[in-house]
Amino acid sequence: LRKTLPDYMVPSVYMMLERLPLTPNGKIDHRALPAPDARPAGDDHQAVAPRNATEALLHDIWSDLLNLPTISIHDSFFDLGGHSMLALELVRRIKSSFGLDMAVCDVFRLADIESMARSLK
């Protein structure tokens, strides 16, 4: 897939299911799909925990949005399953939590907690 699709279209996590959940109309029931709770395949690096209050608050926001209990401050938002709609919600929560405006394009530019925290100071 990486040879033919842009990076943002390549799934970051693959899950094997016995069968896909279907709606009564026979279409895939996206709401009934299990949330991925594993790190991307082949990802065996050590997680770096938040080192200050800003990183800790960002970690909590990311963890809630991405439904992942453990995130390294060096993990990419998009490699963990983030996408443009979640980036919009992330920007909203950052404004609510920090009282600071952040543009959605900044989420793409500052795609890890460490970089994002540094820009919020």
PDB file of N, CA and C in Angstrom:
ATOM      1  N   LEU A   1       0.808  -1.202   0.000  1.00  0.00           N
ATOM      2  CA  LEU A   1       0.000   0.000   0.000  1.00  0.00           C
ATOM      3  C   LEU A   1       0.850   1.263   0.000  1.00  0.00           C
ATOM      4  N   ARG A   2       1.985   1.214   0.711  1.00  0.00           N
ATOM      5  CA  ARG A   2       2.837   2.399   0.796  1.00  0.00           C
ATOM      6  C   ARG A   2       3.398   2.801  -0.572  1.00  0.00           C
ATOM      7  N   LYS A   3       3.490   1.846  -1.493  1.00  0.00           N
ATOM      8  CA  LYS A   3       4.023   2.161  -2.820  1.00  0.00           C
ATOM      9  C   LYS A   3       2.987   2.835  -3.714  1.00  0.00           C
ATOM     10  N   THR A   4       1.695   2.625  -3.423  1.00  0.00           N
ATOM     11  CA  THR A   4       0.667   3.132  -4.324  1.00  0.00           C
ATOM     12  C   THR A   4      -0.236   4.212  -3.727  1.00  0.00           C
ATOM     13  N   LEU A   5      -0.286   4.313  -2.391  1.00  0.00           N
ATOM     14  CA  LEU A   5      -1.175   5.277  -1.750  1.00  0.00           C
ATOM     15  C   LEU A   5      -0.388   6.359  -1.019  1.00  0.00           C
ATOM     16  N   PRO A   6      -0.969   7.544  -0.876  1.00  0.00           N
ATOM     17  CA  PRO A   6      -0.329   8.562  -0.037  1.00  0.00           C
ATOM     18  C   PRO A   6      -0.304   8.070   1.417  1.00  0.00           C
ATOM     19  N   ASP A   7       0.649   8.560   2.203  1.00  0.00           N
ATOM     20  CA  ASP A   7       0.815   8.114   3.589  1.00  0.00           C
ATOM     21  C   ASP A   7      -0.464   8.198   4.405  1.00  0.00           C
ATOM     22  N   TYR A   8      -1.236   9.277   4.235  1.00  0.00           N
ATOM     23  CA  TYR A   8      -2.423   9.447   5.061  1.00  0.00           C
ATOM     24  C   TYR A   8      -3.510   8.410   4.770  1.00  0.00           C
ATOM     25  N   MET A   9      -3.411   7.696   3.651  1.00  0.00           N
ATOM     26  CA  MET A   9      -4.411   6.691   3.307  1.00  0.00           C
ATOM     27  C   MET A   9      -3.997   5.279   3.716  1.00  0.00           C
ATOM     28  N   VAL A  10      -2.773   5.115   4.168  1.00  0.00           N
ATOM     29  CA  VAL A  10      -2.293   3.795   4.575  1.00  0.00           C
ATOM     30  C   VAL A  10      -2.699   3.565   6.025  1.00  0.00           C
ATOM     31  N   PRO A  11      -3.421   2.488   6.299  1.00  0.00           N
ATOM     32  CA  PRO A  11      -3.836   2.231   7.682  1.00  0.00           C
ATOM     33  C   PRO A  11      -2.633   2.068   8.602  1.00  0.00           C
ATOM     34  N   SER A  12      -2.751   2.611   9.813  1.00  0.00           N
ATOM     35  CA  SER A  12      -1.660   2.501  10.766  1.00  0.00           C
ATOM     36  C   SER A  12      -1.782   1.231  11.611  1.00  0.00           C
ATOM     37  N   VAL A  13      -2.977   0.660  11.679  1.00  0.00           N
ATOM     38  CA  VAL A  13      -3.210  -0.557  12.457  1.00  0.00           C
ATOM     39  C   VAL A  13      -4.080  -1.491  11.629  1.00  0.00           C
ATOM     40  N   TYR A  14      -3.726  -2.772  11.640  1.00  0.00           N
ATOM     41  CA  TYR A  14      -4.521  -3.794  10.974  1.00  0.00           C
ATOM     42  C   TYR A  14      -5.068  -4.732  12.031  1.00  0.00           C
ATOM     43  N   MET A  15      -6.320  -5.116  11.884  1.00  0.00           N
ATOM     44  CA  MET A  15      -6.933  -6.045  12.835  1.00  0.00           C
ATOM     45  C   MET A  15      -7.589  -7.179  12.063  1.00  0.00           C
ATOM     46  N   MET A  16      -7.435  -8.372  12.583  1.00  0.00           N
ATOM     47  CA  MET A  16      -8.104  -9.523  11.988  1.00  0.00           C
ATOM     48  C   MET A  16      -9.429  -9.743  12.720  1.00  0.00           C
ATOM     49  N   LEU A  17     -10.505  -9.840  11.971  1.00  0.00           N
ATOM     50  CA  LEU A  17     -11.820 -10.115  12.525  1.00  0.00           C
ATOM     51  C   LEU A  17     -12.370 -11.377  11.891  1.00  0.00           C
ATOM     52  N   GLU A  18     -13.090 -12.159  12.673  1.00  0.00           N
ATOM     53  CA  GLU A  18     -13.717 -13.361  12.105  1.00  0.00           C
ATOM     54  C   GLU A  18     -14.743 -12.978  11.053  1.00  0.00           C
ATOM     55  N   ARG A  19     -15.498 -11.917  11.352  1.00  0.00           N
ATOM     56  CA  ARG A  19     -16.446 -11.401  10.375  1.00  0.00           C
ATOM     57  C   ARG A  19     -16.708  -9.942  10.672  1.00  0.00           C
ATOM     58  N   LEU A  20     -17.111  -9.207   9.662  1.00  0.00           N
ATOM     59  CA  LEU A  20     -17.405  -7.787   9.824  1.00  0.00           C
ATOM     60  C   LEU A  20     -18.816  -7.618  10.375  1.00  0.00           C
ATOM     61  N   PRO A  21     -19.009  -6.698  11.324  1.00  0.00           N
ATOM     62  CA  PRO A  21     -20.366  -6.438  11.808  1.00  0.00           C
ATOM     63  C   PRO A  21     -21.168  -5.729  10.720  1.00  0.00           C
ATOM     64  N   LEU A  22     -22.386  -6.178  10.534  1.00  0.00           N
ATOM     65  CA  LEU A  22     -23.217  -5.618   9.465  1.00  0.00           C
ATOM     66  C   LEU A  22     -24.469  -4.961  10.030  1.00  0.00           C
ATOM     67  N   THR A  23     -24.958  -3.961   9.313  1.00  0.00           N
ATOM     68  CA  THR A  23     -26.232  -3.334   9.653  1.00  0.00           C
ATOM     69  C   THR A  23     -27.350  -4.231   9.118  1.00  0.00           C
ATOM     70  N   PRO A  24     -28.591  -3.977   9.494  1.00  0.00           N
ATOM     71  CA  PRO A  24     -29.702  -4.765   8.928  1.00  0.00           C
ATOM     72  C   PRO A  24     -29.778  -4.685   7.402  1.00  0.00           C
ATOM     73  N   ASN A  25     -29.196  -3.620   6.812  1.00  0.00           N
ATOM     74  CA  ASN A  25     -29.196  -3.479   5.349  1.00  0.00           C
ATOM     75  C   ASN A  25     -28.053  -4.226   4.682  1.00  0.00           C
ATOM     76  N   GLY A  26     -27.191  -4.871   5.487  1.00  0.00           N
ATOM     77  CA  GLY A  26     -26.090  -5.633   4.923  1.00  0.00           C
ATOM     78  C   GLY A  26     -24.823  -4.824   4.694  1.00  0.00           C
ATOM     79  N   LYS A  27     -24.799  -3.574   5.144  1.00  0.00           N
ATOM     80  CA  LYS A  27     -23.596  -2.747   5.008  1.00  0.00           C
ATOM     81  C   LYS A  27     -22.747  -2.889   6.267  1.00  0.00           C
ATOM     82  N   ILE A  28     -21.464  -2.526   6.162  1.00  0.00           N
ATOM     83  CA  ILE A  28     -20.584  -2.605   7.326  1.00  0.00           C
ATOM     84  C   ILE A  28     -21.047  -1.610   8.375  1.00  0.00           C
ATOM     85  N   ASP A  29     -21.208  -2.098   9.601  1.00  0.00           N
ATOM     86  CA  ASP A  29     -21.610  -1.267  10.730  1.00  0.00           C
ATOM     87  C   ASP A  29     -20.340  -0.704  11.370  1.00  0.00           C
ATOM     88  N   HIS A  30     -19.927   0.483  10.933  1.00  0.00           N
ATOM     89  CA  HIS A  30     -18.676   1.081  11.395  1.00  0.00           C
ATOM     90  C   HIS A  30     -18.678   1.350  12.896  1.00  0.00           C
ATOM     91  N   ARG A  31     -19.843   1.647  13.458  1.00  0.00           N
ATOM     92  CA  ARG A  31     -19.928   1.913  14.902  1.00  0.00           C
ATOM     93  C   ARG A  31     -19.716   0.648  15.725  1.00  0.00           C
ATOM     94  N   ALA A  32     -19.971  -0.499  15.151  1.00  0.00           N
ATOM     95  CA  ALA A  32     -19.819  -1.765  15.884  1.00  0.00           C
ATOM     96  C   ALA A  32     -18.419  -2.361  15.736  1.00  0.00           C
ATOM     97  N   LEU A  33     -17.579  -1.747  14.904  1.00  0.00           N
ATOM     98  CA  LEU A  33     -16.208  -2.245  14.763  1.00  0.00           C
ATOM     99  C   LEU A  33     -15.440  -1.996  16.053  1.00  0.00           C
ATOM    100  N   PRO A  34     -14.613  -2.946  16.468  1.00  0.00           N
ATOM    101  CA  PRO A  34     -13.836  -2.728  17.693  1.00  0.00           C
ATOM    102  C   PRO A  34     -12.785  -1.643  17.465  1.00  0.00           C
ATOM    103  N   ALA A  35     -12.521  -0.890  18.514  1.00  0.00           N
ATOM    104  CA  ALA A  35     -11.482   0.147  18.423  1.00  0.00           C
ATOM    105  C   ALA A  35     -10.123  -0.522  18.475  1.00  0.00           C
ATOM    106  N   PRO A  36      -9.203  -0.096  17.625  1.00  0.00           N
ATOM    107  CA  PRO A  36      -7.859  -0.676  17.699  1.00  0.00           C
ATOM    108  C   PRO A  36      -7.193  -0.257  18.997  1.00  0.00           C
ATOM    109  N   ASP A  37      -6.686  -1.231  19.736  1.00  0.00           N
ATOM    110  CA  ASP A  37      -6.054  -0.899  21.007  1.00  0.00           C
ATOM    111  C   ASP A  37      -4.591  -1.298  21.017  1.00  0.00           C
ATOM    112  N   ALA A  38      -4.096  -1.664  19.867  1.00  0.00           N
ATOM    113  CA  ALA A  38      -2.698  -2.078  19.774  1.00  0.00           C
ATOM    114  C   ALA A  38      -1.901  -1.011  19.039  1.00  0.00           C
ATOM    115  N   ARG A  39      -0.618  -1.019  19.280  1.00  0.00           N
ATOM    116  CA  ARG A  39       0.283  -0.124  18.557  1.00  0.00           C
ATOM    117  C   ARG A  39       0.423  -0.647  17.133  1.00  0.00           C
ATOM    118  N   PRO A  40       0.839   0.185  16.204  1.00  0.00           N
ATOM    119  CA  PRO A  40       1.043  -0.284  14.843  1.00  0.00           C
ATOM    120  C   PRO A  40       1.986  -1.475  14.788  1.00  0.00           C
ATOM    121  N   ALA A  41       1.723  -2.375  13.867  1.00  0.00           N
ATOM    122  CA  ALA A  41       2.553  -3.581  13.723  1.00  0.00           C
ATOM    123  C   ALA A  41       4.009  -3.212  13.517  1.00  0.00           C
ATOM    124  N   GLY A  42       4.889  -3.923  14.214  1.00  0.00           N
ATOM    125  CA  GLY A  42       6.315  -3.687  14.072  1.00  0.00           C
ATOM    126  C   GLY A  42       6.814  -2.520  14.902  1.00  0.00           C
ATOM    127  N   ASP A  43       5.954  -1.929  15.697  1.00  0.00           N
ATOM    128  CA  ASP A  43       6.341  -0.778  16.511  1.00  0.00           C
ATOM    129  C   ASP A  43       6.797  -1.280  17.871  1.00  0.00           C
ATOM    130  N   ASP A  44       8.107  -1.382  18.058  1.00  0.00           N
ATOM    131  CA  ASP A  44       8.619  -1.948  19.300  1.00  0.00           C
ATOM    132  C   ASP A  44       9.488  -0.953  20.066  1.00  0.00           C
ATOM    133  N   HIS A  45       9.363   0.336  19.760  1.00  0.00           N
ATOM    134  CA  HIS A  45      10.173   1.324  20.463  1.00  0.00           C
ATOM    135  C   HIS A  45       9.622   1.547  21.877  1.00  0.00           C
ATOM    136  N   GLN A  46      10.468   2.062  22.740  1.00  0.00           N
ATOM    137  CA  GLN A  46      10.081   2.334  24.116  1.00  0.00           C
ATOM    138  C   GLN A  46       9.265   3.620  24.177  1.00  0.00           C
ATOM    139  N   ALA A  47       8.181   3.576  24.908  1.00  0.00           N
ATOM    140  CA  ALA A  47       7.361   4.766  25.076  1.00  0.00           C
ATOM    141  C   ALA A  47       8.046   5.718  26.047  1.00  0.00           C
ATOM    142  N   VAL A  48       8.044   6.995  25.706  1.00  0.00           N
ATOM    143  CA  VAL A  48       8.592   8.029  26.580  1.00  0.00           C
ATOM    144  C   VAL A  48       7.413   8.746  27.213  1.00  0.00           C
ATOM    145  N   ALA A  49       7.350   8.705  28.535  1.00  0.00           N
ATOM    146  CA  ALA A  49       6.247   9.301  29.278  1.00  0.00           C
ATOM    147  C   ALA A  49       6.351  10.828  29.272  1.00  0.00           C
ATOM    148  N   PRO A  50       5.217  11.496  29.488  1.00  0.00           N
ATOM    149  CA  PRO A  50       5.246  12.957  29.585  1.00  0.00           C
ATOM    150  C   PRO A  50       6.191  13.408  30.702  1.00  0.00           C
ATOM    151  N   ARG A  51       6.909  14.523  30.445  1.00  0.00           N
ATOM    152  CA  ARG A  51       7.918  15.004  31.387  1.00  0.00           C
ATOM    153  C   ARG A  51       7.505  16.273  32.116  1.00  0.00           C
ATOM    154  N   ASN A  52       6.390  16.878  31.708  1.00  0.00           N
ATOM    155  CA  ASN A  52       5.926  18.086  32.376  1.00  0.00           C
ATOM    156  C   ASN A  52       4.406  18.161  32.260  1.00  0.00           C
ATOM    157  N   ALA A  53       3.828  19.173  32.885  1.00  0.00           N
ATOM    158  CA  ALA A  53       2.368  19.291  32.929  1.00  0.00           C
ATOM    159  C   ALA A  53       1.752  19.483  31.547  1.00  0.00           C
ATOM    160  N   THR A  54       2.411  20.241  30.676  1.00  0.00           N
ATOM    161  CA  THR A  54       1.888  20.471  29.324  1.00  0.00           C
ATOM    162  C   THR A  54       1.845  19.166  28.546  1.00  0.00           C
ATOM    163  N   GLU A  55       2.939  18.409  28.582  1.00  0.00           N
ATOM    164  CA  GLU A  55       2.966  17.118  27.890  1.00  0.00           C
ATOM    165  C   GLU A  55       1.951  16.154  28.493  1.00  0.00           C
ATOM    166  N   ALA A  56       1.774  16.185  29.811  1.00  0.00           N
ATOM    167  CA  ALA A  56       0.823  15.288  30.463  1.00  0.00           C
ATOM    168  C   ALA A  56      -0.614  15.589  30.033  1.00  0.00           C
ATOM    169  N   LEU A  57      -0.955  16.873  29.955  1.00  0.00           N
ATOM    170  CA  LEU A  57      -2.302  17.235  29.530  1.00  0.00           C
ATOM    171  C   LEU A  57      -2.530  16.876  28.059  1.00  0.00           C
ATOM    172  N   LEU A  58      -1.536  17.132  27.216  1.00  0.00           N
ATOM    173  CA  LEU A  58      -1.647  16.728  25.806  1.00  0.00           C
ATOM    174  C   LEU A  58      -1.778  15.210  25.695  1.00  0.00           C
ATOM    175  N   HIS A  59      -1.009  14.477  26.491  1.00  0.00           N
ATOM    176  CA  HIS A  59      -1.089  13.006  26.489  1.00  0.00           C
ATOM    177  C   HIS A  59      -2.510  12.560  26.811  1.00  0.00           C
ATOM    178  N   ASP A  60      -3.119  13.169  27.825  1.00  0.00           N
ATOM    179  CA  ASP A  60      -4.487  12.799  28.207  1.00  0.00           C
ATOM    180  C   ASP A  60      -5.479  13.086  27.089  1.00  0.00           C
ATOM    181  N   ILE A  61      -5.311  14.226  26.427  1.00  0.00           N
ATOM    182  CA  ILE A  61      -6.206  14.582  25.316  1.00  0.00           C
ATOM    183  C   ILE A  61      -6.038  13.587  24.170  1.00  0.00           C
ATOM    184  N   TRP A  62      -4.788  13.327  23.798  1.00  0.00           N
ATOM    185  CA  TRP A  62      -4.520  12.381  22.704  1.00  0.00           C
ATOM    186  C   TRP A  62      -5.052  10.996  23.058  1.00  0.00           C
ATOM    187  N   SER A  63      -4.780  10.555  24.273  1.00  0.00           N
ATOM    188  CA  SER A  63      -5.196   9.226  24.710  1.00  0.00           C
ATOM    189  C   SER A  63      -6.709   9.067  24.594  1.00  0.00           C
ATOM    190  N   ASP A  64      -7.438  10.095  24.993  1.00  0.00           N
ATOM    191  CA  ASP A  64      -8.894  10.054  24.901  1.00  0.00           C
ATOM    192  C   ASP A  64      -9.357  10.053  23.447  1.00  0.00           C
ATOM    193  N   LEU A  65      -8.779  10.923  22.629  1.00  0.00           N
ATOM    194  CA  LEU A  65      -9.186  11.013  21.217  1.00  0.00           C
ATOM    195  C   LEU A  65      -8.870   9.734  20.439  1.00  0.00           C
ATOM    196  N   LEU A  66      -7.691   9.168  20.699  1.00  0.00           N
ATOM    197  CA  LEU A  66      -7.228   8.018  19.915  1.00  0.00           C
ATOM    198  C   LEU A  66      -7.594   6.681  20.553  1.00  0.00           C
ATOM    199  N   ASN A  67      -8.165   6.742  21.761  1.00  0.00           N
ATOM    200  CA  ASN A  67      -8.559   5.532  22.484  1.00  0.00           C
ATOM    201  C   ASN A  67      -7.359   4.611  22.715  1.00  0.00           C
ATOM    202  N   LEU A  68      -6.254   5.216  23.122  1.00  0.00           N
ATOM    203  CA  LEU A  68      -5.027   4.484  23.423  1.00  0.00           C
ATOM    204  C   LEU A  68      -4.577   4.866  24.827  1.00  0.00           C
ATOM    205  N   PRO A  69      -4.371   3.886  25.709  1.00  0.00           N
ATOM    206  CA  PRO A  69      -3.981   4.220  27.077  1.00  0.00           C
ATOM    207  C   PRO A  69      -2.550   4.742  27.208  1.00  0.00           C
ATOM    208  N   THR A  70      -1.646   4.269  26.368  1.00  0.00           N
ATOM    209  CA  THR A  70      -0.242   4.660  26.470  1.00  0.00           C
ATOM    210  C   THR A  70       0.234   5.220  25.139  1.00  0.00           C
ATOM    211  N   ILE A  71       0.748   6.445  25.202  1.00  0.00           N
ATOM    212  CA  ILE A  71       1.274   7.106  24.018  1.00  0.00           C
ATOM    213  C   ILE A  71       2.617   7.708  24.400  1.00  0.00           C
ATOM    214  N   SER A  72       3.599   7.517  23.565  1.00  0.00           N
ATOM    215  CA  SER A  72       4.902   8.136  23.779  1.00  0.00           C
ATOM    216  C   SER A  72       4.843   9.581  23.306  1.00  0.00           C
ATOM    217  N   ILE A  73       5.612  10.442  23.946  1.00  0.00           N
ATOM    218  CA  ILE A  73       5.633  11.842  23.507  1.00  0.00           C
ATOM    219  C   ILE A  73       6.263  11.992  22.128  1.00  0.00           C
ATOM    220  N   HIS A  74       6.869  10.923  21.614  1.00  0.00           N
ATOM    221  CA  HIS A  74       7.490  10.956  20.290  1.00  0.00           C
ATOM    222  C   HIS A  74       6.623  10.299  19.209  1.00  0.00           C
ATOM    223  N   ASP A  75       5.483   9.723  19.597  1.00  0.00           N
ATOM    224  CA  ASP A  75       4.588   9.098  18.622  1.00  0.00           C
ATOM    225  C   ASP A  75       3.906  10.147  17.766  1.00  0.00           C
ATOM    226  N   SER A  76       3.691   9.820  16.505  1.00  0.00           N
ATOM    227  CA  SER A  76       2.986  10.710  15.591  1.00  0.00           C
ATOM    228  C   SER A  76       1.479  10.519  15.753  1.00  0.00           C
ATOM    229  N   PHE A  77       0.776  11.618  15.868  1.00  0.00           N
ATOM    230  CA  PHE A  77      -0.685  11.602  15.972  1.00  0.00           C
ATOM    231  C   PHE A  77      -1.301  10.794  14.830  1.00  0.00           C
ATOM    232  N   PHE A  78      -0.773  10.959  13.645  1.00  0.00           N
ATOM    233  CA  PHE A  78      -1.355  10.314  12.476  1.00  0.00           C
ATOM    234  C   PHE A  78      -0.953   8.846  12.365  1.00  0.00           C
ATOM    235  N   ASP A  79       0.237   8.491  12.828  1.00  0.00           N
ATOM    236  CA  ASP A  79       0.633   7.084  12.832  1.00  0.00           C
ATOM    237  C   ASP A  79      -0.190   6.275  13.829  1.00  0.00           C
ATOM    238  N   LEU A  80      -0.734   6.939  14.835  1.00  0.00           N
ATOM    239  CA  LEU A  80      -1.542   6.255  15.850  1.00  0.00           C
ATOM    240  C   LEU A  80      -3.016   6.175  15.473  1.00  0.00           C
ATOM    241  N   GLY A  81      -3.351   6.648  14.298  1.00  0.00           N
ATOM    242  CA  GLY A  81      -4.743   6.562  13.855  1.00  0.00           C
ATOM    243  C   GLY A  81      -5.454   7.896  13.771  1.00  0.00           C
ATOM    244  N   GLY A  82      -4.767   8.985  14.085  1.00  0.00           N
ATOM    245  CA  GLY A  82      -5.369  10.301  13.964  1.00  0.00           C
ATOM    246  C   GLY A  82      -5.633  10.648  12.512  1.00  0.00           C
ATOM    247  N   HIS A  83      -6.607  11.483  12.283  1.00  0.00           N
ATOM    248  CA  HIS A  83      -6.942  11.932  10.933  1.00  0.00           C
ATOM    249  C   HIS A  83      -7.456  13.364  11.022  1.00  0.00           C
ATOM    250  N   SER A  84      -7.812  13.939   9.905  1.00  0.00           N
ATOM    251  CA  SER A  84      -8.152  15.358   9.865  1.00  0.00           C
ATOM    252  C   SER A  84      -9.328  15.712  10.768  1.00  0.00           C
ATOM    253  N   MET A  85     -10.329  14.857  10.864  1.00  0.00           N
ATOM    254  CA  MET A  85     -11.475  15.157  11.721  1.00  0.00           C
ATOM    255  C   MET A  85     -11.064  15.125  13.198  1.00  0.00           C
ATOM    256  N   LEU A  86     -10.214  14.171  13.569  1.00  0.00           N
ATOM    257  CA  LEU A  86      -9.715  14.135  14.946  1.00  0.00           C
ATOM    258  C   LEU A  86      -8.792  15.319  15.214  1.00  0.00           C
ATOM    259  N   ALA A  87      -8.074  15.767  14.196  1.00  0.00           N
ATOM    260  CA  ALA A  87      -7.207  16.940  14.348  1.00  0.00           C
ATOM    261  C   ALA A  87      -8.045  18.175  14.682  1.00  0.00           C
ATOM    262  N   LEU A  88      -9.214  18.298  14.069  1.00  0.00           N
ATOM    263  CA  LEU A  88     -10.114  19.408  14.389  1.00  0.00           C
ATOM    264  C   LEU A  88     -10.546  19.345  15.852  1.00  0.00           C
ATOM    265  N   GLU A  89     -10.892  18.162  16.316  1.00  0.00           N
ATOM    266  CA  GLU A  89     -11.292  17.989  17.715  1.00  0.00           C
ATOM    267  C   GLU A  89     -10.107  18.246  18.645  1.00  0.00           C
ATOM    268  N   LEU A  90      -8.923  17.836  18.246  1.00  0.00           N
ATOM    269  CA  LEU A  90      -7.722  18.081  19.043  1.00  0.00           C
ATOM    270  C   LEU A  90      -7.500  19.586  19.214  1.00  0.00           C
ATOM    271  N   VAL A  91      -7.628  20.340  18.141  1.00  0.00           N
ATOM    272  CA  VAL A  91      -7.467  21.793  18.191  1.00  0.00           C
ATOM    273  C   VAL A  91      -8.508  22.407  19.134  1.00  0.00           C
ATOM    274  N   ARG A  92      -9.732  21.920  19.070  1.00  0.00           N
ATOM    275  CA  ARG A  92     -10.791  22.424  19.949  1.00  0.00           C
ATOM    276  C   ARG A  92     -10.457  22.153  21.411  1.00  0.00           C
ATOM    277  N   ARG A  93      -9.981  20.947  21.701  1.00  0.00           N
ATOM    278  CA  ARG A  93      -9.659  20.598  23.093  1.00  0.00           C
ATOM    279  C   ARG A  93      -8.432  21.351  23.600  1.00  0.00           C
ATOM    280  N   ILE A  94      -7.479  21.607  22.726  1.00  0.00           N
ATOM    281  CA  ILE A  94      -6.305  22.392  23.128  1.00  0.00           C
ATOM    282  C   ILE A  94      -6.743  23.813  23.496  1.00  0.00           C
ATOM    283  N   LYS A  95      -7.630  24.384  22.699  1.00  0.00           N
ATOM    284  CA  LYS A  95      -8.128  25.736  23.007  1.00  0.00           C
ATOM    285  C   LYS A  95      -8.868  25.725  24.335  1.00  0.00           C
ATOM    286  N   SER A  96      -9.684  24.705  24.568  1.00  0.00           N
ATOM    287  CA  SER A  96     -10.447  24.607  25.805  1.00  0.00           C
ATOM    288  C   SER A  96      -9.546  24.391  27.019  1.00  0.00           C
ATOM    289  N   SER A  97      -8.529  23.551  26.877  1.00  0.00           N
ATOM    290  CA  SER A  97      -7.660  23.203  28.003  1.00  0.00           C
ATOM    291  C   SER A  97      -6.583  24.241  28.290  1.00  0.00           C
ATOM    292  N   PHE A  98      -6.014  24.799  27.241  1.00  0.00           N
ATOM    293  CA  PHE A  98      -4.883  25.719  27.402  1.00  0.00           C
ATOM    294  C   PHE A  98      -5.257  27.183  27.196  1.00  0.00           C
ATOM    295  N   GLY A  99      -6.434  27.418  26.603  1.00  0.00           N
ATOM    296  CA  GLY A  99      -6.820  28.781  26.299  1.00  0.00           C
ATOM    297  C   GLY A  99      -6.004  29.385  25.174  1.00  0.00           C
ATOM    298  N   LEU A 100      -5.421  28.531  24.347  1.00  0.00           N
ATOM    299  CA  LEU A 100      -4.574  28.987  23.245  1.00  0.00           C
ATOM    300  C   LEU A 100      -5.137  28.501  21.919  1.00  0.00           C
ATOM    301  N   ASP A 101      -5.020  29.343  20.914  1.00  0.00           N
ATOM    302  CA  ASP A 101      -5.450  28.954  19.569  1.00  0.00           C
ATOM    303  C   ASP A 101      -4.337  28.190  18.870  1.00  0.00           C
ATOM    304  N   MET A 102      -4.720  27.132  18.187  1.00  0.00           N
ATOM    305  CA  MET A 102      -3.788  26.372  17.361  1.00  0.00           C
ATOM    306  C   MET A 102      -4.500  26.092  16.051  1.00  0.00           C
ATOM    307  N   ALA A 103      -3.829  26.279  14.947  1.00  0.00           N
ATOM    308  CA  ALA A 103      -4.407  25.995  13.633  1.00  0.00           C
ATOM    309  C   ALA A 103      -4.317  24.500  13.353  1.00  0.00           C
ATOM    310  N   VAL A 104      -5.249  23.987  12.593  1.00  0.00           N
ATOM    311  CA  VAL A 104      -5.228  22.567  12.245  1.00  0.00           C
ATOM    312  C   VAL A 104      -3.942  22.213  11.506  1.00  0.00           C
ATOM    313  N   CYS A 105      -3.439  23.120  10.684  1.00  0.00           N
ATOM    314  CA  CYS A 105      -2.192  22.833   9.966  1.00  0.00           C
ATOM    315  C   CYS A 105      -1.032  22.624  10.939  1.00  0.00           C
ATOM    316  N   ASP A 106      -1.116  23.217  12.141  1.00  0.00           N
ATOM    317  CA  ASP A 106      -0.075  23.008  13.149  1.00  0.00           C
ATOM    318  C   ASP A 106      -0.065  21.567  13.647  1.00  0.00           C
ATOM    319  N   VAL A 107      -1.219  20.921  13.670  1.00  0.00           N
ATOM    320  CA  VAL A 107      -1.272  19.515  14.093  1.00  0.00           C
ATOM    321  C   VAL A 107      -0.485  18.665  13.103  1.00  0.00           C
ATOM    322  N   PHE A 108      -0.567  18.981  11.836  1.00  0.00           N
ATOM    323  CA  PHE A 108       0.187  18.238  10.827  1.00  0.00           C
ATOM    324  C   PHE A 108       1.688  18.538  10.936  1.00  0.00           C
ATOM    325  N   ARG A 109       2.023  19.771  11.264  1.00  0.00           N
ATOM    326  CA  ARG A 109       3.421  20.180  11.369  1.00  0.00           C
ATOM    327  C   ARG A 109       4.048  19.712  12.687  1.00  0.00           C
ATOM    328  N   LEU A 110       3.287  19.749  13.755  1.00  0.00           N
ATOM    329  CA  LEU A 110       3.751  19.364  15.092  1.00  0.00           C
ATOM    330  C   LEU A 110       3.037  18.075  15.487  1.00  0.00           C
ATOM    331  N   ALA A 111       3.381  16.986  14.838  1.00  0.00           N
ATOM    332  CA  ALA A 111       2.590  15.758  14.941  1.00  0.00           C
ATOM    333  C   ALA A 111       2.908  14.889  16.151  1.00  0.00           C
ATOM    334  N   ASP A 112       3.801  15.335  17.048  1.00  0.00           N
ATOM    335  CA  ASP A 112       4.027  14.545  18.264  1.00  0.00           C
ATOM    336  C   ASP A 112       3.842  15.441  19.489  1.00  0.00           C
ATOM    337  N   ILE A 113       3.638  14.830  20.630  1.00  0.00           N
ATOM    338  CA  ILE A 113       3.344  15.562  21.857  1.00  0.00           C
ATOM    339  C   ILE A 113       4.493  16.495  22.239  1.00  0.00           C
ATOM    340  N   GLU A 114       5.718  16.025  22.107  1.00  0.00           N
ATOM    341  CA  GLU A 114       6.867  16.848  22.485  1.00  0.00           C
ATOM    342  C   GLU A 114       6.894  18.160  21.697  1.00  0.00           C
ATOM    343  N   SER A 115       6.758  18.082  20.381  1.00  0.00           N
ATOM    344  CA  SER A 115       6.785  19.279  19.532  1.00  0.00           C
ATOM    345  C   SER A 115       5.599  20.189  19.819  1.00  0.00           C
ATOM    346  N   MET A 116       4.450  19.580  19.999  1.00  0.00           N
ATOM    347  CA  MET A 116       3.248  20.357  20.255  1.00  0.00           C
ATOM    348  C   MET A 116       3.344  21.089  21.586  1.00  0.00           C
ATOM    349  N   ALA A 117       3.835  20.403  22.610  1.00  0.00           N
ATOM    350  CA  ALA A 117       3.977  21.015  23.934  1.00  0.00           C
ATOM    351  C   ALA A 117       4.949  22.184  23.895  1.00  0.00           C
ATOM    352  N   ARG A 118       6.041  22.009  23.174  1.00  0.00           N
ATOM    353  CA  ARG A 118       7.036  23.074  23.048  1.00  0.00           C
ATOM    354  C   ARG A 118       6.418  24.318  22.393  1.00  0.00           C
ATOM    355  N   SER A 119       5.544  24.118  21.415  1.00  0.00           N
ATOM    356  CA  SER A 119       4.936  25.253  20.716  1.00  0.00           C
ATOM    357  C   SER A 119       3.873  25.959  21.568  1.00  0.00           C
ATOM    358  N   LEU A 120       3.334  25.272  22.569  1.00  0.00           N
ATOM    359  CA  LEU A 120       2.294  25.857  23.411  1.00  0.00           C
ATOM    360  C   LEU A 120       2.853  26.697  24.557  1.00  0.00           C
ATOM    361  N   LYS A 121       4.145  26.621  24.776  1.00  0.00           N
ATOM    362  CA  LYS A 121       4.749  27.364  25.899  1.00  0.00           C
ATOM    363  C   LYS A 121       4.973  28.806  25.542  1.00  0.00           C
TER     364      LYS A 121
END
